[in-house]
Amino acid sequence: MKGWIKDIAIAVVIALVIMTFIKPTIVKESSMQPTLYANNYIFLSKQAYRFGEPKTGDIVVFHTHNADLTTADGQEKLLIKRIIGLPGDMLTIEGGKVYINDVELDEPYLLEDETAGSIDNLKIPDGDVFVMGDNRSVSIDSRDSRVGFVPIKMIVGKAVFRLYPFDKIGLL
């Protein structure tokens, strides 16, 4: 009898640890293609920015808190995007290219070769990041006033691992 109580206690502790540090998520949209597709099952590190700083290229899920960005049933919509600019960076989008601090960003992950829009030397505020999807033509991201800058404190987690589809399993 003591054995199964110990097993249950261990299972509960493991479940609590996992729930504290990891959040499973299903990708719903196509804005991160070709990196992530709809119905990809990924794990987020919920503590990534508690112990470290965001980096350009990190894929993150964040709260939108905008009434125009809700699900069909009126729930808050979480978005998944890639961090393009960090606090204090100067961002320019010109001629289909993205520049951070006057250096063209190398973006081999993009679905298309060009980024729509025009931004001239936009400074990213302290505590915020600038995010965009990899499928820029359909992505609702920081270029859209409904999203704008994303406060780091609104980030739910950093995408770290894809579990499904099984042929794409691995670190992100």
N, C-alpha and C. Protein backbone atom coordinates (compact mmCIF):
# COMPACT_ATOMS: atom_id res chain seq x y z
N MET A 1 0.82 -1.19 0.00
CA MET A 1 0.00 0.00 0.00
C MET A 1 0.86 1.26 0.00
N LYS A 2 1.94 1.25 0.76
CA LYS A 2 2.83 2.41 0.80
C LYS A 2 3.45 2.68 -0.56
N GLY A 3 3.68 1.64 -1.34
CA GLY A 3 4.32 1.78 -2.65
C GLY A 3 3.52 2.64 -3.61
N TRP A 4 2.22 2.44 -3.67
CA TRP A 4 1.42 3.21 -4.61
C TRP A 4 1.23 4.65 -4.14
N ILE A 5 1.24 4.89 -2.84
CA ILE A 5 1.16 6.27 -2.34
C ILE A 5 2.43 7.02 -2.73
N LYS A 6 3.56 6.35 -2.60
CA LYS A 6 4.83 6.96 -3.01
C LYS A 6 4.82 7.25 -4.51
N ASP A 7 4.30 6.31 -5.32
CA ASP A 7 4.24 6.50 -6.78
C ASP A 7 3.36 7.69 -7.15
N ILE A 8 2.22 7.81 -6.47
CA ILE A 8 1.33 8.93 -6.73
C ILE A 8 1.99 10.25 -6.33
N ALA A 9 2.65 10.29 -5.20
CA ALA A 9 3.33 11.50 -4.75
C ALA A 9 4.41 11.91 -5.75
N ILE A 10 5.18 10.96 -6.24
CA ILE A 10 6.23 11.25 -7.24
C ILE A 10 5.59 11.78 -8.51
N ALA A 11 4.50 11.17 -8.96
CA ALA A 11 3.81 11.62 -10.17
C ALA A 11 3.29 13.04 -10.02
N VAL A 12 2.74 13.36 -8.85
CA VAL A 12 2.23 14.71 -8.59
C VAL A 12 3.37 15.73 -8.62
N VAL A 13 4.48 15.40 -7.99
CA VAL A 13 5.64 16.31 -7.98
C VAL A 13 6.15 16.54 -9.41
N ILE A 14 6.27 15.47 -10.18
CA ILE A 14 6.73 15.59 -11.57
C ILE A 14 5.75 16.45 -12.37
N ALA A 15 4.45 16.23 -12.21
CA ALA A 15 3.44 17.02 -12.93
C ALA A 15 3.55 18.50 -12.55
N LEU A 16 3.73 18.81 -11.28
CA LEU A 16 3.86 20.20 -10.85
C LEU A 16 5.10 20.86 -11.43
N VAL A 17 6.21 20.14 -11.47
CA VAL A 17 7.44 20.68 -12.05
C VAL A 17 7.24 20.96 -13.53
N ILE A 18 6.64 20.02 -14.25
CA ILE A 18 6.40 20.20 -15.68
C ILE A 18 5.47 21.39 -15.92
N MET A 19 4.40 21.50 -15.15
CA MET A 19 3.45 22.60 -15.33
C MET A 19 4.06 23.95 -15.00
N THR A 20 5.05 23.98 -14.12
CA THR A 20 5.70 25.22 -13.75
C THR A 20 6.65 25.70 -14.84
N PHE A 21 7.32 24.78 -15.51
CA PHE A 21 8.37 25.16 -16.45
C PHE A 21 8.00 24.99 -17.92
N ILE A 22 7.01 24.18 -18.25
CA ILE A 22 6.71 23.85 -19.64
C ILE A 22 5.23 24.06 -19.91
N LYS A 23 4.93 24.61 -21.08
CA LYS A 23 3.53 24.76 -21.50
C LYS A 23 3.39 24.14 -22.89
N PRO A 24 2.61 23.07 -23.01
CA PRO A 24 2.35 22.52 -24.34
C PRO A 24 1.40 23.43 -25.10
N THR A 25 1.63 23.59 -26.40
CA THR A 25 0.84 24.49 -27.22
C THR A 25 0.66 23.90 -28.61
N ILE A 26 -0.50 24.14 -29.20
CA ILE A 26 -0.75 23.74 -30.58
C ILE A 26 -0.78 25.00 -31.44
N VAL A 27 0.00 25.02 -32.51
CA VAL A 27 0.03 26.14 -33.43
C VAL A 27 -1.30 26.14 -34.20
N LYS A 28 -1.94 27.29 -34.29
CA LYS A 28 -3.26 27.39 -34.91
C LYS A 28 -3.24 28.04 -36.29
N GLU A 29 -2.27 28.87 -36.58
CA GLU A 29 -2.28 29.68 -37.80
C GLU A 29 -1.10 29.35 -38.71
N SER A 30 -0.99 30.06 -39.82
CA SER A 30 0.06 29.81 -40.80
C SER A 30 1.14 30.89 -40.82
N SER A 31 1.11 31.81 -39.87
CA SER A 31 2.04 32.95 -39.91
C SER A 31 3.49 32.59 -39.63
N MET A 32 3.76 31.39 -39.14
CA MET A 32 5.15 30.99 -38.86
C MET A 32 5.69 29.97 -39.87
N GLN A 33 4.96 29.75 -40.97
CA GLN A 33 5.48 28.86 -42.01
C GLN A 33 6.69 29.50 -42.66
N PRO A 34 7.70 28.78 -43.02
CA PRO A 34 7.83 27.34 -43.07
C PRO A 34 8.41 26.71 -41.79
N THR A 35 8.63 27.51 -40.74
CA THR A 35 9.20 26.96 -39.51
C THR A 35 8.18 26.11 -38.77
N LEU A 36 6.98 26.64 -38.57
CA LEU A 36 5.90 25.94 -37.87
C LEU A 36 4.64 26.00 -38.71
N TYR A 37 3.90 24.91 -38.71
CA TYR A 37 2.65 24.82 -39.46
C TYR A 37 1.48 24.63 -38.50
N ALA A 38 0.28 24.92 -38.98
CA ALA A 38 -0.92 24.68 -38.18
C ALA A 38 -0.93 23.23 -37.71
N ASN A 39 -1.32 23.04 -36.47
CA ASN A 39 -1.41 21.74 -35.80
C ASN A 39 -0.07 21.16 -35.37
N ASN A 40 1.02 21.93 -35.50
CA ASN A 40 2.27 21.50 -34.87
C ASN A 40 2.06 21.57 -33.37
N TYR A 41 2.58 20.59 -32.66
CA TYR A 41 2.48 20.54 -31.20
C TYR A 41 3.85 20.89 -30.65
N ILE A 42 3.92 21.99 -29.91
CA ILE A 42 5.22 22.47 -29.41
C ILE A 42 5.19 22.65 -27.90
N PHE A 43 6.37 22.70 -27.33
CA PHE A 43 6.52 22.99 -25.90
C PHE A 43 7.17 24.36 -25.74
N LEU A 44 6.63 25.14 -24.82
CA LEU A 44 7.18 26.45 -24.49
C LEU A 44 7.91 26.36 -23.16
N SER A 45 9.02 27.07 -23.07
CA SER A 45 9.70 27.25 -21.79
C SER A 45 9.09 28.48 -21.13
N LYS A 46 8.32 28.26 -20.07
CA LYS A 46 7.65 29.36 -19.39
C LYS A 46 8.61 30.22 -18.58
N GLN A 47 9.76 29.69 -18.26
CA GLN A 47 10.73 30.41 -17.42
C GLN A 47 11.90 31.00 -18.21
N ALA A 48 11.85 30.92 -19.54
CA ALA A 48 12.99 31.31 -20.37
C ALA A 48 13.49 32.73 -20.07
N TYR A 49 12.57 33.67 -19.87
CA TYR A 49 13.00 35.05 -19.68
C TYR A 49 13.00 35.47 -18.22
N ARG A 50 12.73 34.54 -17.35
CA ARG A 50 12.92 34.80 -15.93
C ARG A 50 14.39 34.64 -15.59
N PHE A 51 15.05 33.73 -16.32
CA PHE A 51 16.45 33.43 -16.04
C PHE A 51 17.39 33.92 -17.14
N GLY A 52 16.85 34.49 -18.20
CA GLY A 52 17.68 34.96 -19.31
C GLY A 52 16.96 36.06 -20.08
N GLU A 53 17.66 36.61 -21.02
CA GLU A 53 17.13 37.71 -21.83
C GLU A 53 16.67 37.18 -23.18
N PRO A 54 15.65 37.83 -23.77
CA PRO A 54 15.24 37.45 -25.12
C PRO A 54 16.38 37.68 -26.11
N LYS A 55 16.37 36.90 -27.16
CA LYS A 55 17.39 37.04 -28.20
C LYS A 55 16.69 37.17 -29.55
N THR A 56 17.31 37.89 -30.46
CA THR A 56 16.80 37.96 -31.82
C THR A 56 16.73 36.55 -32.37
N GLY A 57 15.61 36.21 -32.97
CA GLY A 57 15.41 34.88 -33.53
C GLY A 57 14.61 33.94 -32.64
N ASP A 58 14.45 34.26 -31.36
CA ASP A 58 13.63 33.42 -30.49
C ASP A 58 12.19 33.41 -31.00
N ILE A 59 11.56 32.25 -30.93
CA ILE A 59 10.14 32.13 -31.27
C ILE A 59 9.38 32.14 -29.95
N VAL A 60 8.40 33.07 -29.85
CA VAL A 60 7.69 33.26 -28.59
C VAL A 60 6.18 33.26 -28.79
N VAL A 61 5.48 32.89 -27.73
CA VAL A 61 4.02 33.00 -27.67
C VAL A 61 3.73 34.10 -26.66
N PHE A 62 2.78 35.00 -27.02
CA PHE A 62 2.50 36.13 -26.13
C PHE A 62 1.02 36.48 -26.14
N HIS A 63 0.62 37.18 -25.07
CA HIS A 63 -0.74 37.70 -24.94
C HIS A 63 -0.88 38.95 -25.81
N THR A 64 -2.03 39.11 -26.46
CA THR A 64 -2.25 40.29 -27.28
C THR A 64 -2.98 41.40 -26.53
N HIS A 65 -3.95 41.05 -25.71
CA HIS A 65 -4.76 42.03 -24.96
C HIS A 65 -5.32 43.13 -25.87
N ASN A 66 -5.80 42.75 -27.04
CA ASN A 66 -6.42 43.70 -27.95
C ASN A 66 -7.78 43.14 -28.32
N ALA A 67 -8.80 43.94 -28.15
CA ALA A 67 -10.17 43.47 -28.40
C ALA A 67 -10.37 43.06 -29.85
N ASP A 68 -9.58 43.59 -30.76
CA ASP A 68 -9.70 43.22 -32.18
C ASP A 68 -9.04 41.88 -32.48
N LEU A 69 -8.25 41.37 -31.57
CA LEU A 69 -7.53 40.11 -31.79
C LEU A 69 -8.03 39.07 -30.80
N THR A 70 -9.19 38.51 -31.11
CA THR A 70 -9.77 37.48 -30.27
C THR A 70 -10.13 36.28 -31.12
N THR A 71 -10.34 35.16 -30.46
CA THR A 71 -10.76 33.95 -31.17
C THR A 71 -12.23 34.08 -31.55
N ALA A 72 -12.74 33.15 -32.33
CA ALA A 72 -14.12 33.18 -32.80
C ALA A 72 -15.12 33.21 -31.63
N ASP A 73 -14.74 32.60 -30.50
CA ASP A 73 -15.65 32.59 -29.35
C ASP A 73 -15.36 33.73 -28.37
N GLY A 74 -14.58 34.73 -28.80
CA GLY A 74 -14.34 35.92 -28.00
C GLY A 74 -13.22 35.82 -26.98
N GLN A 75 -12.49 34.72 -26.99
CA GLN A 75 -11.39 34.55 -26.04
C GLN A 75 -10.15 35.33 -26.50
N GLU A 76 -9.30 35.67 -25.55
CA GLU A 76 -8.03 36.32 -25.87
C GLU A 76 -7.22 35.43 -26.80
N LYS A 77 -6.63 36.04 -27.80
CA LYS A 77 -5.84 35.29 -28.78
C LYS A 77 -4.36 35.38 -28.39
N LEU A 78 -3.74 34.21 -28.32
CA LEU A 78 -2.30 34.17 -28.14
C LEU A 78 -1.66 34.09 -29.52
N LEU A 79 -0.59 34.84 -29.73
CA LEU A 79 0.11 34.82 -31.00
C LEU A 79 1.48 34.19 -30.84
N ILE A 80 1.96 33.56 -31.91
CA ILE A 80 3.31 33.01 -31.94
C ILE A 80 4.07 33.71 -33.05
N LYS A 81 5.21 34.29 -32.70
CA LYS A 81 6.03 35.06 -33.65
C LYS A 81 7.50 34.90 -33.29
N ARG A 82 8.33 35.44 -34.16
CA ARG A 82 9.78 35.44 -33.94
C ARG A 82 10.22 36.82 -33.50
N ILE A 83 11.09 36.89 -32.50
CA ILE A 83 11.64 38.17 -32.05
C ILE A 83 12.62 38.66 -33.12
N ILE A 84 12.36 39.89 -33.58
CA ILE A 84 13.20 40.51 -34.60
C ILE A 84 14.07 41.60 -34.00
N GLY A 85 13.50 42.37 -33.08
CA GLY A 85 14.24 43.47 -32.46
C GLY A 85 14.11 43.45 -30.96
N LEU A 86 15.19 43.85 -30.30
CA LEU A 86 15.28 43.85 -28.84
C LEU A 86 15.21 45.27 -28.29
N PRO A 87 15.01 45.41 -26.98
CA PRO A 87 14.96 46.75 -26.39
C PRO A 87 16.21 47.56 -26.76
N GLY A 88 15.97 48.80 -27.22
CA GLY A 88 17.06 49.69 -27.58
C GLY A 88 17.51 49.58 -29.03
N ASP A 89 17.10 48.53 -29.73
CA ASP A 89 17.47 48.38 -31.15
C ASP A 89 16.76 49.43 -31.99
N MET A 90 17.41 49.78 -33.11
CA MET A 90 16.80 50.64 -34.12
C MET A 90 16.40 49.75 -35.29
N LEU A 91 15.13 49.76 -35.65
CA LEU A 91 14.60 48.88 -36.69
C LEU A 91 14.23 49.69 -37.92
N THR A 92 14.63 49.17 -39.09
CA THR A 92 14.25 49.76 -40.37
C THR A 92 13.78 48.65 -41.28
N ILE A 93 12.66 48.87 -41.97
CA ILE A 93 12.22 47.98 -43.03
C ILE A 93 12.19 48.83 -44.29
N GLU A 94 13.00 48.43 -45.27
CA GLU A 94 13.15 49.23 -46.48
C GLU A 94 13.51 48.32 -47.64
N GLY A 95 12.85 48.51 -48.76
CA GLY A 95 13.15 47.72 -49.94
C GLY A 95 12.97 46.22 -49.74
N GLY A 96 12.03 45.85 -48.86
CA GLY A 96 11.76 44.43 -48.61
C GLY A 96 12.72 43.77 -47.64
N LYS A 97 13.65 44.52 -47.09
CA LYS A 97 14.66 43.98 -46.15
C LYS A 97 14.48 44.58 -44.77
N VAL A 98 14.90 43.83 -43.75
CA VAL A 98 14.83 44.28 -42.37
C VAL A 98 16.25 44.59 -41.89
N TYR A 99 16.40 45.75 -41.27
CA TYR A 99 17.70 46.16 -40.74
C TYR A 99 17.57 46.42 -39.25
N ILE A 100 18.50 45.89 -38.50
CA ILE A 100 18.58 46.15 -37.07
C ILE A 100 19.89 46.88 -36.83
N ASN A 101 19.79 48.09 -36.29
CA ASN A 101 20.96 48.93 -36.03
C ASN A 101 21.81 49.08 -37.30
N ASP A 102 21.14 49.32 -38.42
CA ASP A 102 21.74 49.54 -39.75
C ASP A 102 22.43 48.33 -40.36
N VAL A 103 22.19 47.14 -39.81
CA VAL A 103 22.75 45.91 -40.36
C VAL A 103 21.59 45.04 -40.85
N GLU A 104 21.68 44.59 -42.12
CA GLU A 104 20.61 43.76 -42.66
C GLU A 104 20.52 42.46 -41.88
N LEU A 105 19.31 42.12 -41.49
CA LEU A 105 19.06 40.90 -40.73
C LEU A 105 19.09 39.70 -41.67
N ASP A 106 19.88 38.69 -41.33
CA ASP A 106 19.93 37.45 -42.10
C ASP A 106 18.74 36.60 -41.66
N GLU A 107 17.80 36.33 -42.58
CA GLU A 107 16.57 35.63 -42.22
C GLU A 107 16.34 34.42 -43.13
N PRO A 108 17.12 33.36 -42.95
CA PRO A 108 16.97 32.17 -43.81
C PRO A 108 15.67 31.42 -43.56
N TYR A 109 14.96 31.73 -42.49
CA TYR A 109 13.74 31.03 -42.10
C TYR A 109 12.50 31.56 -42.80
N LEU A 110 12.60 32.65 -43.57
CA LEU A 110 11.42 33.26 -44.18
C LEU A 110 10.81 32.40 -45.28
N LEU A 111 9.48 32.46 -45.38
CA LEU A 111 8.78 31.78 -46.47
C LEU A 111 9.00 32.52 -47.78
N GLU A 112 8.99 33.85 -47.73
CA GLU A 112 9.20 34.68 -48.92
C GLU A 112 10.46 35.51 -48.72
N ASP A 113 11.00 36.03 -49.81
CA ASP A 113 12.27 36.78 -49.74
C ASP A 113 12.13 38.21 -49.25
N GLU A 114 10.91 38.75 -49.27
CA GLU A 114 10.75 40.16 -48.95
C GLU A 114 9.79 40.38 -47.79
N THR A 115 10.03 41.47 -47.07
CA THR A 115 9.16 41.89 -45.97
C THR A 115 8.42 43.14 -46.39
N ALA A 116 7.09 43.06 -46.38
CA ALA A 116 6.27 44.22 -46.75
C ALA A 116 6.32 45.27 -45.66
N GLY A 117 6.14 46.51 -46.08
CA GLY A 117 6.08 47.61 -45.13
C GLY A 117 7.28 48.51 -45.22
N SER A 118 7.17 49.63 -44.55
CA SER A 118 8.25 50.59 -44.52
C SER A 118 8.30 51.20 -43.12
N ILE A 119 9.43 51.02 -42.47
CA ILE A 119 9.66 51.59 -41.14
C ILE A 119 11.04 52.21 -41.17
N ASP A 120 11.15 53.42 -40.64
CA ASP A 120 12.43 54.13 -40.69
C ASP A 120 12.95 54.42 -39.29
N ASN A 121 14.00 53.73 -38.91
CA ASN A 121 14.68 53.97 -37.64
C ASN A 121 13.73 54.05 -36.45
N LEU A 122 12.99 52.99 -36.25
CA LEU A 122 12.07 52.87 -35.12
C LEU A 122 12.83 52.30 -33.93
N LYS A 123 12.87 53.04 -32.84
CA LYS A 123 13.58 52.56 -31.64
C LYS A 123 12.63 51.71 -30.80
N ILE A 124 13.11 50.53 -30.45
CA ILE A 124 12.31 49.61 -29.64
C ILE A 124 12.49 50.01 -28.18
N PRO A 125 11.38 50.28 -27.49
CA PRO A 125 11.46 50.76 -26.10
C PRO A 125 12.02 49.71 -25.14
N ASP A 126 12.56 50.19 -24.04
CA ASP A 126 13.02 49.28 -22.98
C ASP A 126 11.85 48.43 -22.51
N GLY A 127 12.11 47.15 -22.29
CA GLY A 127 11.09 46.23 -21.80
C GLY A 127 10.21 45.63 -22.88
N ASP A 128 10.42 46.03 -24.14
CA ASP A 128 9.61 45.53 -25.25
C ASP A 128 10.47 44.84 -26.30
N VAL A 129 9.80 44.05 -27.14
CA VAL A 129 10.44 43.45 -28.31
C VAL A 129 9.56 43.71 -29.53
N PHE A 130 10.15 43.58 -30.71
CA PHE A 130 9.45 43.71 -31.98
C PHE A 130 9.43 42.32 -32.59
N VAL A 131 8.23 41.85 -32.95
CA VAL A 131 8.08 40.47 -33.44
C VAL A 131 7.45 40.44 -34.82
N MET A 132 7.82 39.42 -35.60
CA MET A 132 7.19 39.20 -36.90
C MET A 132 7.11 37.70 -37.15
N GLY A 133 6.12 37.32 -37.96
CA GLY A 133 6.00 35.93 -38.37
C GLY A 133 6.97 35.62 -39.50
N ASP A 134 7.24 34.34 -39.72
CA ASP A 134 8.12 33.92 -40.82
C ASP A 134 7.40 33.97 -42.16
N ASN A 135 6.08 33.92 -42.14
CA ASN A 135 5.25 34.02 -43.33
C ASN A 135 4.69 35.44 -43.32
N ARG A 136 5.53 36.40 -43.67
CA ARG A 136 5.25 37.81 -43.46
C ARG A 136 4.00 38.31 -44.17
N SER A 137 3.64 37.71 -45.31
CA SER A 137 2.49 38.22 -46.07
C SER A 137 1.16 37.98 -45.35
N VAL A 138 1.09 37.04 -44.42
CA VAL A 138 -0.16 36.77 -43.70
C VAL A 138 -0.04 37.04 -42.20
N SER A 139 1.12 37.43 -41.76
CA SER A 139 1.37 37.59 -40.32
C SER A 139 0.81 38.90 -39.76
N ILE A 140 0.04 38.77 -38.68
CA ILE A 140 -0.36 39.94 -37.89
C ILE A 140 0.69 40.04 -36.80
N ASP A 141 1.53 41.06 -36.87
CA ASP A 141 2.68 41.13 -35.98
C ASP A 141 2.95 42.58 -35.57
N SER A 142 4.13 42.88 -35.12
CA SER A 142 4.44 44.21 -34.60
C SER A 142 4.31 45.32 -35.64
N ARG A 143 4.28 44.96 -36.92
CA ARG A 143 4.04 45.97 -37.95
C ARG A 143 2.61 46.47 -37.93
N ASP A 144 1.72 45.72 -37.32
CA ASP A 144 0.30 46.02 -37.22
C ASP A 144 0.05 46.74 -35.89
N SER A 145 -0.67 47.85 -35.93
CA SER A 145 -0.91 48.63 -34.70
C SER A 145 -1.70 47.85 -33.65
N ARG A 146 -2.40 46.79 -34.06
CA ARG A 146 -3.14 45.98 -33.08
C ARG A 146 -2.19 45.16 -32.21
N VAL A 147 -0.98 44.95 -32.69
CA VAL A 147 0.02 44.20 -31.93
C VAL A 147 1.08 45.16 -31.40
N GLY A 148 1.73 45.88 -32.30
CA GLY A 148 2.77 46.84 -31.91
C GLY A 148 3.91 46.18 -31.15
N PHE A 149 4.57 46.95 -30.33
CA PHE A 149 5.64 46.40 -29.50
C PHE A 149 5.04 45.41 -28.50
N VAL A 150 5.78 44.37 -28.20
CA VAL A 150 5.30 43.36 -27.25
C VAL A 150 6.11 43.48 -25.95
N PRO A 151 5.45 43.82 -24.85
CA PRO A 151 6.16 43.87 -23.58
C PRO A 151 6.68 42.47 -23.22
N ILE A 152 7.92 42.39 -22.80
CA ILE A 152 8.52 41.09 -22.45
C ILE A 152 7.68 40.39 -21.38
N LYS A 153 7.08 41.16 -20.49
CA LYS A 153 6.28 40.56 -19.42
C LYS A 153 5.00 39.90 -19.96
N MET A 154 4.62 40.17 -21.22
CA MET A 154 3.43 39.56 -21.83
C MET A 154 3.75 38.25 -22.55
N ILE A 155 5.03 37.89 -22.59
CA ILE A 155 5.43 36.65 -23.26
C ILE A 155 5.10 35.47 -22.35
N VAL A 156 4.33 34.53 -22.90
CA VAL A 156 3.94 33.33 -22.16
C VAL A 156 5.12 32.36 -22.08
N GLY A 157 5.86 32.26 -23.18
CA GLY A 157 7.00 31.36 -23.19
C GLY A 157 7.73 31.35 -24.52
N LYS A 158 8.90 30.79 -24.49
CA LYS A 158 9.75 30.64 -25.67
C LYS A 158 9.57 29.23 -26.21
N ALA A 159 9.30 29.12 -27.52
CA ALA A 159 9.16 27.80 -28.15
C ALA A 159 10.53 27.13 -28.18
N VAL A 160 10.60 25.94 -27.61
CA VAL A 160 11.90 25.25 -27.52
C VAL A 160 11.92 23.88 -28.17
N PHE A 161 10.74 23.24 -28.32
CA PHE A 161 10.73 21.86 -28.80
C PHE A 161 9.44 21.58 -29.56
N ARG A 162 9.57 20.91 -30.72
CA ARG A 162 8.39 20.47 -31.47
C ARG A 162 8.26 18.97 -31.27
N LEU A 163 7.07 18.55 -30.80
CA LEU A 163 6.80 17.14 -30.58
C LEU A 163 6.08 16.51 -31.77
N TYR A 164 5.22 17.30 -32.44
CA TYR A 164 4.44 16.77 -33.55
C TYR A 164 4.41 17.78 -34.67
N PRO A 165 4.53 17.37 -35.91
CA PRO A 165 4.51 16.01 -36.42
C PRO A 165 5.82 15.28 -36.09
N PHE A 166 5.70 13.97 -35.94
CA PHE A 166 6.84 13.18 -35.49
C PHE A 166 8.03 13.24 -36.42
N ASP A 167 7.81 13.45 -37.72
CA ASP A 167 8.93 13.52 -38.64
C ASP A 167 9.69 14.85 -38.53
N LYS A 168 9.15 15.80 -37.76
CA LYS A 168 9.82 17.10 -37.51
C LYS A 168 10.18 17.28 -36.04
N ILE A 169 10.13 16.22 -35.26
CA ILE A 169 10.39 16.30 -33.83
C ILE A 169 11.80 16.84 -33.58
N GLY A 170 11.92 17.72 -32.58
CA GLY A 170 13.24 18.23 -32.22
C GLY A 170 13.21 19.64 -31.69
N LEU A 171 14.39 20.14 -31.39
CA LEU A 171 14.55 21.50 -30.85
C LEU A 171 14.23 22.53 -31.90
N LEU A 172 13.71 23.67 -31.45
CA LEU A 172 13.44 24.78 -32.36
C LEU A 172 14.52 25.83 -32.24
